[in-house]
Protein backbone atom coordinates (compact mmCIF):
# COMPACT_ATOMS: atom_id res chain seq x y z
CA MET A 1 9.87 -28.46 23.27
CA ASP A 2 8.43 -27.99 19.72
CA HIS A 3 9.80 -29.97 16.70
CA VAL A 4 12.60 -28.09 14.79
CA VAL A 5 12.08 -28.24 11.19
CA ASP A 6 15.29 -29.34 9.32
CA GLU A 7 15.71 -26.42 6.88
CA VAL A 8 16.39 -22.84 7.74
CA ALA A 9 13.61 -20.50 6.95
CA PRO A 10 14.19 -18.47 3.70
CA VAL A 11 14.54 -14.71 3.95
CA VAL A 12 11.73 -13.23 2.26
CA GLU A 13 12.02 -9.76 0.42
CA PRO A 14 8.97 -7.48 1.44
CA THR A 15 7.25 -5.13 -1.18
CA GLU A 16 6.97 -1.22 -0.78
CA ASN A 17 3.53 -2.09 0.58
CA TYR A 18 4.69 -4.09 3.44
CA MET A 19 2.72 -3.55 6.85
CA MET A 20 0.22 -1.31 4.53
CA ARG A 21 -3.35 -1.20 4.75
CA THR A 22 -6.11 -0.11 2.03
CA LEU A 23 -8.30 1.78 4.46
CA CYS A 24 -10.21 -0.73 6.73
CA ASP A 25 -8.34 -3.79 5.38
CA PRO A 26 -4.76 -5.30 5.02
CA HIS A 27 -3.08 -4.19 1.70
CA GLU A 28 -3.24 -7.54 -0.74
CA ASP A 29 0.56 -7.66 -0.49
CA MET A 30 0.15 -8.50 3.08
CA PHE A 31 -1.94 -11.52 2.34
CA GLU A 32 0.87 -12.78 -0.21
CA LEU A 33 3.59 -12.18 2.38
CA ARG A 34 1.48 -14.56 4.67
CA ALA A 35 1.62 -17.08 2.05
CA HIS A 36 5.07 -17.58 3.16
CA GLY A 37 3.73 -19.28 6.38
CA PRO A 38 2.79 -17.76 9.79
CA LEU A 39 6.39 -17.18 10.84
CA PHE A 40 9.04 -16.30 8.48
CA ARG A 41 12.34 -14.22 8.14
CA THR A 42 12.59 -11.05 6.11
CA VAL A 43 14.70 -7.91 5.51
CA GLY A 44 13.81 -4.32 4.99
CA GLU A 45 13.31 -0.88 6.87
CA ALA A 46 12.67 -2.96 10.39
CA SER A 47 16.08 -4.92 9.79
CA THR A 48 17.81 -1.52 8.95
CA GLN A 49 16.56 0.26 11.72
CA LEU A 50 17.36 -2.43 14.32
CA GLY A 51 20.73 -2.97 12.98
CA VAL A 52 20.27 -6.89 12.23
CA ASP A 53 20.68 -8.81 9.09
CA PHE A 54 17.03 -10.07 9.27
CA VAL A 55 14.09 -10.07 11.51
CA TRP A 56 11.27 -12.70 12.09
CA GLN A 57 7.87 -11.69 10.94
CA ALA A 58 4.72 -13.46 12.68
CA MET A 59 1.72 -13.23 10.96
CA GLY A 60 -0.27 -16.25 12.17
CA TYR A 61 -2.73 -15.98 15.11
CA ASP A 62 -1.40 -19.09 17.08
CA VAL A 63 2.15 -17.63 16.61
CA VAL A 64 1.68 -13.97 17.26
CA ARG A 65 -0.55 -15.10 20.53
CA LYS A 66 2.37 -17.29 21.68
CA ILE A 67 5.12 -14.73 21.18
CA LEU A 68 3.02 -11.99 22.86
CA GLY A 69 2.22 -14.19 25.75
CA ASP A 70 5.96 -15.34 26.23
CA HIS A 71 7.84 -12.96 28.57
CA GLU A 72 10.13 -15.59 29.98
CA ASN A 73 11.77 -16.10 26.35
CA PHE A 74 11.21 -12.62 24.78
CA THR A 75 11.69 -9.03 25.92
CA THR A 76 10.30 -5.50 24.63
CA ARG A 77 13.09 -3.85 26.41
CA PRO A 78 15.33 -1.97 23.85
CA ARG A 79 19.00 -3.14 23.50
CA LEU A 80 21.12 -0.14 24.49
CA THR A 81 23.88 -1.26 22.22
CA GLN A 82 24.36 -4.38 19.73
CA SER A 83 27.14 -5.83 21.96
CA GLU A 84 24.84 -5.72 24.96
CA SER A 85 24.08 -9.47 26.38
CA VAL A 86 20.91 -10.81 25.36
CA THR A 87 21.12 -13.97 27.21
CA GLY A 88 19.42 -12.58 30.63
CA LYS A 89 16.72 -10.04 30.73
CA GLY A 90 17.47 -6.69 32.61
CA ASN A 91 15.35 -3.94 33.96
CA HIS A 92 17.61 -1.03 33.20
CA VAL A 93 16.11 1.15 30.37
CA ALA A 94 17.48 4.09 28.64
CA SER A 95 16.44 7.45 29.93
CA GLN A 96 13.84 8.17 27.26
CA PHE A 97 12.05 5.04 27.91
CA VAL A 98 12.01 5.52 31.72
CA GLY A 99 8.19 4.91 32.94
CA GLN A 100 7.10 3.59 29.49
CA ILE A 101 5.97 0.38 30.80
CA SER A 102 5.65 -1.44 27.46
CA THR A 103 9.69 -1.57 27.41
CA TYR A 104 9.71 -3.06 30.86
CA ASP A 105 10.22 -6.70 32.20
CA PRO A 106 9.36 -8.12 35.43
CA PRO A 107 9.56 -7.33 38.13
CA GLU A 108 9.66 -3.55 37.41
CA HIS A 109 6.86 -3.85 34.98
CA THR A 110 4.91 -5.76 37.53
CA ARG A 111 5.49 -3.05 40.09
CA LEU A 112 4.30 -0.44 37.57
CA ARG A 113 1.48 -2.47 36.57
CA LYS A 114 0.12 -2.86 40.21
CA MET A 115 0.26 1.02 40.43
CA LEU A 116 -1.88 1.49 37.10
CA THR A 117 -4.49 -0.94 37.54
CA PRO A 118 -6.41 0.63 40.04
CA GLU A 119 -6.96 3.62 37.69
CA PHE A 120 -8.66 1.75 35.20
CA THR A 121 -11.09 -0.23 37.37
CA VAL A 122 -14.87 -0.45 36.14
CA ARG A 123 -15.86 1.91 39.02
CA ARG A 124 -13.05 4.66 38.02
CA ILE A 125 -13.73 4.36 34.16
CA ARG A 126 -17.84 4.89 34.92
CA ARG A 127 -16.82 8.01 36.95
CA LEU A 128 -15.22 9.46 33.69
CA GLU A 129 -18.30 8.22 31.69
CA PRO A 130 -20.33 11.88 32.22
CA ALA A 131 -17.32 13.76 31.26
CA ILE A 132 -16.75 11.60 27.83
CA GLN A 133 -20.42 12.12 27.04
CA GLY A 134 -20.14 15.58 27.54
CA LEU A 135 -17.29 15.90 25.13
CA ILE A 136 -18.70 13.56 22.87
CA ASP A 137 -21.94 16.02 22.75
CA GLU A 138 -19.65 19.22 22.50
CA ARG A 139 -17.89 18.08 19.29
CA LEU A 140 -20.94 16.74 17.82
CA GLU A 141 -22.92 20.18 18.35
CA GLU A 142 -19.65 21.83 16.62
CA MET A 143 -19.87 19.34 13.70
CA GLU A 144 -23.65 19.87 13.29
CA ALA A 145 -22.80 23.89 13.41
CA GLU A 146 -20.03 23.34 10.72
CA GLY A 147 -22.34 21.32 8.40
CA PRO A 148 -24.61 19.94 6.63
CA SER A 149 -21.11 18.78 5.30
CA ALA A 150 -18.01 18.63 7.90
CA ASP A 151 -14.77 16.95 8.37
CA LEU A 152 -15.66 14.08 10.97
CA GLN A 153 -12.23 13.21 11.82
CA GLY A 154 -10.97 16.66 12.32
CA LEU A 155 -14.25 17.84 14.37
CA PHE A 156 -15.15 14.90 16.01
CA ALA A 157 -12.59 11.72 15.99
CA ASP A 158 -9.52 13.83 16.72
CA PRO A 159 -10.83 15.92 19.52
CA VAL A 160 -12.73 12.98 21.22
CA GLY A 161 -9.38 10.82 21.36
CA GLY A 162 -7.37 13.61 22.62
CA GLY A 163 -10.00 15.08 25.03
CA VAL A 164 -10.83 12.22 26.82
CA LEU A 165 -7.10 11.37 27.47
CA CYS A 166 -6.70 14.83 28.86
CA GLU A 167 -9.58 14.21 31.14
CA LEU A 168 -8.06 11.16 32.62
CA LEU A 169 -4.63 12.76 33.03
CA GLY A 170 -6.30 16.05 34.66
CA ILE A 171 -5.02 18.50 32.19
CA PRO A 172 -6.65 21.68 32.56
CA ARG A 173 -9.24 22.59 29.84
CA ASP A 174 -7.59 25.71 28.96
CA ASP A 175 -4.45 23.83 28.02
CA ARG A 176 -6.08 20.84 26.20
CA HIS A 177 -5.99 22.52 22.84
CA GLU A 178 -2.43 23.41 22.70
CA PHE A 179 -1.31 20.24 24.42
CA ILE A 180 -3.06 18.03 21.78
CA ARG A 181 -1.67 20.09 19.04
CA ARG A 182 2.03 19.39 20.20
CA ILE A 183 1.35 15.89 20.51
CA ARG A 184 -0.07 15.55 16.67
CA ARG A 185 2.75 17.76 15.51
CA ASN A 186 5.29 15.50 17.08
CA VAL A 187 3.86 12.34 15.65
CA ASP A 188 3.31 14.01 12.14
CA PHE A 189 5.96 12.30 10.00
CA ASN A 190 5.54 14.91 7.08
CA ARG A 191 7.38 17.33 9.46
CA GLY A 192 11.16 17.50 9.91
CA PHE A 193 12.78 16.06 12.87
CA LYS A 194 13.89 19.20 13.99
CA GLU A 195 10.31 20.68 14.05
CA ARG A 196 9.19 17.33 15.78
CA ALA A 197 11.83 17.43 18.49
CA ASN A 198 10.99 21.15 19.40
CA ASP A 199 7.58 20.08 19.96
CA SER A 200 8.53 16.85 21.79
CA ALA A 201 10.59 19.28 24.04
CA ALA A 202 7.67 21.64 24.72
CA PHE A 203 5.38 18.45 25.43
CA ASN A 204 7.99 17.55 28.07
CA ARG A 205 8.21 20.66 29.75
CA TYR A 206 4.67 20.72 29.99
CA LEU A 207 4.42 17.47 31.71
CA THR A 208 7.42 18.30 34.10
CA GLY A 209 5.21 21.26 35.36
CA LEU A 210 2.06 19.57 35.40
CA ILE A 211 3.79 16.76 37.79
CA THR A 212 5.34 19.53 39.91
CA ARG A 213 1.73 20.81 40.60
CA GLN A 214 0.20 17.54 41.20
CA ARG A 215 3.04 16.79 43.76
CA LYS A 216 2.12 20.06 45.68
CA ASP A 217 -1.52 19.37 45.37
CA PRO A 218 -2.76 16.32 44.00
CA ASP A 219 -6.30 16.33 42.41
CA ASP A 220 -8.52 13.31 41.41
CA GLY A 221 -7.03 12.69 38.03
CA PHE A 222 -4.52 10.02 36.97
CA ILE A 223 -1.37 11.69 38.06
CA GLY A 224 -2.93 12.97 40.97
CA MET A 225 -4.33 9.71 42.15
CA LEU A 226 -0.90 8.13 41.52
CA VAL A 227 0.82 10.62 43.56
CA ARG A 228 -1.49 10.42 46.36
CA GLU A 229 -1.49 6.63 46.71
CA HIS A 230 2.37 5.93 45.94
CA GLY A 231 4.10 9.01 46.68
CA ASP A 232 7.93 8.58 46.61
CA ASN A 233 7.59 4.88 45.07
CA VAL A 234 6.86 6.44 41.70
CA THR A 235 9.51 8.90 40.55
CA ASP A 236 8.79 12.09 38.38
CA GLU A 237 10.62 10.72 35.45
CA GLU A 238 8.33 7.45 35.77
CA LEU A 239 5.40 9.56 36.01
CA LYS A 240 6.31 11.34 32.91
CA GLY A 241 7.07 8.16 31.08
CA LEU A 242 3.74 6.61 32.17
CA CYS A 243 1.85 9.64 30.83
CA THR A 244 3.73 9.83 27.58
CA ALA A 245 2.95 6.19 26.95
CA LEU A 246 -0.69 6.73 27.68
CA ILE A 247 -0.76 9.83 25.32
CA LEU A 248 1.01 8.43 22.50
CA GLY A 249 -0.79 5.01 22.70
CA GLY A 250 -4.00 6.32 23.04
CA VAL A 251 -4.70 9.79 21.19
CA GLU A 252 -4.31 8.73 17.76
CA THR A 253 -5.30 5.23 18.22
CA VAL A 254 -8.78 6.09 19.41
CA ALA A 255 -8.96 8.64 16.68
CA GLY A 256 -7.91 6.34 14.10
CA MET A 257 -10.63 3.83 15.49
CA ILE A 258 -13.31 6.27 15.38
CA GLY A 259 -12.39 7.33 11.77
CA PHE A 260 -11.93 3.81 10.33
CA GLY A 261 -15.03 2.51 12.50
CA VAL A 262 -17.20 4.97 10.99
CA LEU A 263 -15.97 3.83 7.47
CA ALA A 264 -16.16 0.21 8.41
CA LEU A 265 -19.84 0.67 9.73
CA LEU A 266 -21.01 2.69 6.68
CA GLY A 267 -20.03 -0.35 4.55
CA ASN A 268 -21.66 -2.69 6.76
CA PRO A 269 -25.25 -0.97 7.86
CA GLY A 270 -26.68 -4.13 9.48
CA GLN A 271 -23.95 -3.72 12.30
CA ILE A 272 -25.21 -0.05 12.86
CA GLU A 273 -28.66 -1.63 13.76
CA MET A 274 -26.94 -3.88 16.38
CA LEU A 275 -24.80 -0.92 17.55
CA LEU A 276 -28.06 0.93 18.50
CA ALA A 277 -29.97 -2.08 19.82
CA GLY A 278 -28.30 -1.94 23.53
CA ARG A 279 -25.24 -1.64 25.43
CA GLU A 280 -24.26 -5.33 25.28
CA GLU A 281 -24.94 -5.41 21.54
CA ALA A 282 -22.89 -2.29 21.24
CA ASP A 283 -20.13 -3.51 23.31
CA ARG A 284 -20.04 -6.66 20.76
CA VAL A 285 -19.86 -4.31 17.65
CA VAL A 286 -16.92 -2.37 19.39
CA THR A 287 -15.28 -5.70 20.08
CA GLU A 288 -15.72 -6.78 16.47
CA LEU A 289 -14.28 -3.63 15.14
CA VAL A 290 -11.15 -3.63 17.29
CA ARG A 291 -10.38 -7.09 15.66
CA TYR A 292 -11.29 -6.22 12.23
CA LEU A 293 -9.52 -2.95 12.05
CA SER A 294 -6.64 -3.57 14.45
CA PRO A 295 -5.47 0.07 14.54
CA VAL A 296 -1.99 -0.77 16.01
CA GLN A 297 -0.63 -2.96 13.49
CA GLN A 298 2.31 -3.97 15.06
CA PRO A 299 3.67 -3.73 18.86
CA ASN A 300 7.05 -3.20 20.12
CA PRO A 301 9.50 -5.70 18.68
CA ARG A 302 10.04 -8.69 20.63
CA MET A 303 13.67 -9.72 21.26
CA ALA A 304 14.40 -13.44 22.09
CA VAL A 305 16.74 -13.80 25.23
CA LYS A 306 17.34 -17.36 24.74
CA ASP A 307 16.98 -19.96 22.00
CA VAL A 308 13.38 -20.66 21.71
CA VAL A 309 11.52 -22.72 18.94
CA VAL A 310 8.07 -21.33 17.59
CA ASP A 311 6.14 -22.93 14.86
CA GLY A 312 8.97 -25.36 14.43
CA GLN A 313 11.49 -22.41 13.70
CA LEU A 314 14.57 -21.87 15.85
CA ILE A 315 14.54 -18.23 16.77
CA LYS A 316 18.08 -17.62 18.42
CA ALA A 317 18.83 -15.38 21.18
CA GLY A 318 19.19 -11.63 20.06
CA ASP A 319 16.85 -12.31 16.97
CA TYR A 320 14.18 -9.79 16.74
CA VAL A 321 10.42 -10.82 16.19
CA LEU A 322 7.66 -8.52 14.50
CA CYS A 323 4.37 -9.37 15.31
CA SER A 324 1.41 -8.47 12.96
CA ILE A 325 -1.71 -7.74 15.17
CA LEU A 326 -3.59 -6.81 11.96
CA MET A 327 -2.84 -10.24 10.10
CA ALA A 328 -3.39 -12.36 13.18
CA ASN A 329 -6.60 -10.89 13.56
CA ARG A 330 -7.57 -11.73 10.15
CA ASP A 331 -6.45 -15.26 10.21
CA GLU A 332 -8.75 -18.38 9.75
CA ALA A 333 -7.14 -19.96 12.75
CA LEU A 334 -8.88 -17.38 14.86
CA THR A 335 -12.42 -17.07 13.48
CA PRO A 336 -14.14 -18.39 10.16
CA ASN A 337 -14.46 -15.41 7.57
CA PRO A 338 -12.23 -13.19 9.34
CA ASN A 339 -12.06 -10.56 6.60
CA VAL A 340 -15.98 -9.85 7.12
CA LEU A 341 -17.06 -7.71 9.79
CA ASP A 342 -19.49 -9.56 11.81
CA ALA A 343 -20.53 -8.70 15.45
CA THR A 344 -22.77 -11.69 15.88
CA ARG A 345 -19.60 -14.05 15.45
CA PRO A 346 -19.35 -16.10 18.96
CA PRO A 347 -16.95 -14.44 21.34
CA ILE A 348 -13.21 -15.08 20.39
CA SER A 349 -9.80 -13.93 21.92
CA ASP A 350 -8.39 -11.74 19.45
CA VAL A 351 -5.13 -9.68 19.91
CA GLY A 352 -6.30 -6.36 19.22
CA PHE A 353 -5.22 -4.77 22.35
CA GLY A 354 -2.39 -7.31 22.66
CA HIS A 355 -1.79 -10.11 24.83
CA GLY A 356 0.20 -11.27 27.89
CA ILE A 357 1.79 -8.93 30.26
CA HIS A 358 1.72 -6.10 27.96
CA TYR A 359 -1.72 -6.17 27.17
CA CYS A 360 -3.11 -2.73 26.77
CA ILE A 361 -4.07 -1.59 30.34
CA GLY A 362 -6.37 1.25 28.57
CA ALA A 363 -8.32 -1.22 26.76
CA ALA A 364 -11.61 -1.14 28.98
CA VAL A 365 -11.51 2.91 28.80
CA ALA A 366 -10.90 2.88 24.82
CA LYS A 367 -13.83 0.41 24.40
CA VAL A 368 -16.19 2.73 26.42
CA MET A 369 -15.00 5.73 24.53
CA LEU A 370 -15.71 4.01 21.30
CA ARG A 371 -19.14 2.61 22.19
CA MET A 372 -20.36 6.19 23.22
CA SER A 373 -18.77 7.81 20.37
CA TYR A 374 -20.49 5.40 17.51
CA GLN A 375 -23.73 5.32 19.53
CA THR A 376 -24.07 9.20 19.97
CA LEU A 377 -22.75 9.82 16.58
CA TRP A 378 -25.40 7.73 14.95
CA ARG A 379 -28.20 8.75 17.29
CA ARG A 380 -27.53 12.05 16.35
CA PHE A 381 -27.00 11.81 12.59
CA PRO A 382 -28.89 8.59 11.58
CA GLY A 383 -28.54 9.50 7.92
CA LEU A 384 -24.75 10.02 8.26
CA ARG A 385 -22.83 9.11 4.66
CA LEU A 386 -19.50 10.10 3.03
CA THR A 387 -19.80 12.99 0.55
CA VAL A 388 -16.47 11.75 -1.46
CA PRO A 389 -15.76 8.26 -3.11
CA ILE A 390 -14.21 5.95 -0.31
CA GLU A 391 -11.28 5.94 -2.64
CA GLU A 392 -10.51 9.52 -2.04
CA ILE A 393 -10.16 8.82 1.77
CA LYS A 394 -6.34 9.17 2.66
CA HIS A 395 -4.19 8.03 5.48
CA ARG A 396 -2.46 10.38 8.07
CA ASN A 397 1.27 9.98 7.93
CA ALA A 398 1.72 9.16 11.60
CA PHE A 399 2.73 6.36 13.55
CA VAL A 400 -0.79 4.90 14.20
CA ASP A 401 -3.15 4.36 11.22
CA CYS A 402 -5.67 7.03 11.14
CA PRO A 403 -7.89 8.78 8.34
CA ASP A 404 -6.44 12.42 7.30
CA ARG A 405 -10.04 13.68 6.66
CA LEU A 406 -13.41 12.18 6.63
CA PRO A 407 -15.86 14.20 4.84
CA VAL A 408 -19.34 13.44 5.56
CA THR A 409 -23.00 14.71 5.55
CA TRP A 410 -26.03 13.86 7.24
């Protein structure tokens, strides 16, 4: 058991820029917060939403990796009420979380993960590559037709992120534009709750109809394969939850990685040369971009199910821990000069796609999409550059970091 420090960790008051980034980099206030240590207590919006007096904030690489990898002492399962017991982990989940594997504990998590894993094998991902390439080529042709100046985010990054997920799930091409529009409207925090709820309801009705059709006549897509191979062992509600988790976790994440990745590469042209050198070199560039950008800043909160000591701090049963992926990946405990984009650095185990049993199951697909997107973009437009000062690039108001617009020319 780790040694417990004698004094109780102070409660840190975060600034309004807490958990913010300045385009590709963490906001300077986040570095000031990390000066309080790799693990500290804080108050603010997160503690208010969770209904607790404080939350633990993990920002150090070693601490974040330890917590994400410890499913025996921490759970991602939301508590249904504050009076619910926290001393033992259960597998019941509220109806809105059914099938969303990131909120499940073993053994139910293990059951669903085993069903999903074959859908993300190298063989099945390679089967998707021609469709991914076709979508990328199609979007770049449209961008070129719009040019020589165009919004790369709206014409390329957004449609590629959504289109590949639709291809994976087996969404008919005629339905994709409206399907993706509903998704993006649902996560647009500039819109009112009622409007977003209406889009969410329409999105759920569509998924219900799609699953019903796949039950009757399964195709070779994600849903069809699950139905064909697992039948009654996976319920319609679980299928809907699994699809929702993949879509919400993938569409904006990939779109943000393409957009911010372009910004990062434009500022580091030497990495572009490596990107175009070959598949192995390109994969290293993508891996480094994921570490450097960490588009999902913070995964689901972890709740301690028993008293546990981490980094000398006693985290009590019922306490919540927020893990900053972005700051963990910018920690010198992980790699020297972490605030520099350098794909030549030796292989490291970053937490860009998480760690432990909740490691992103779609990570391999995402990396393929990103490699093909970056390579094809620069081969098509080797003179790609911004048409506005970088300071004018704004964030989209959504739950995943993403540029709102990315004006470029070539």
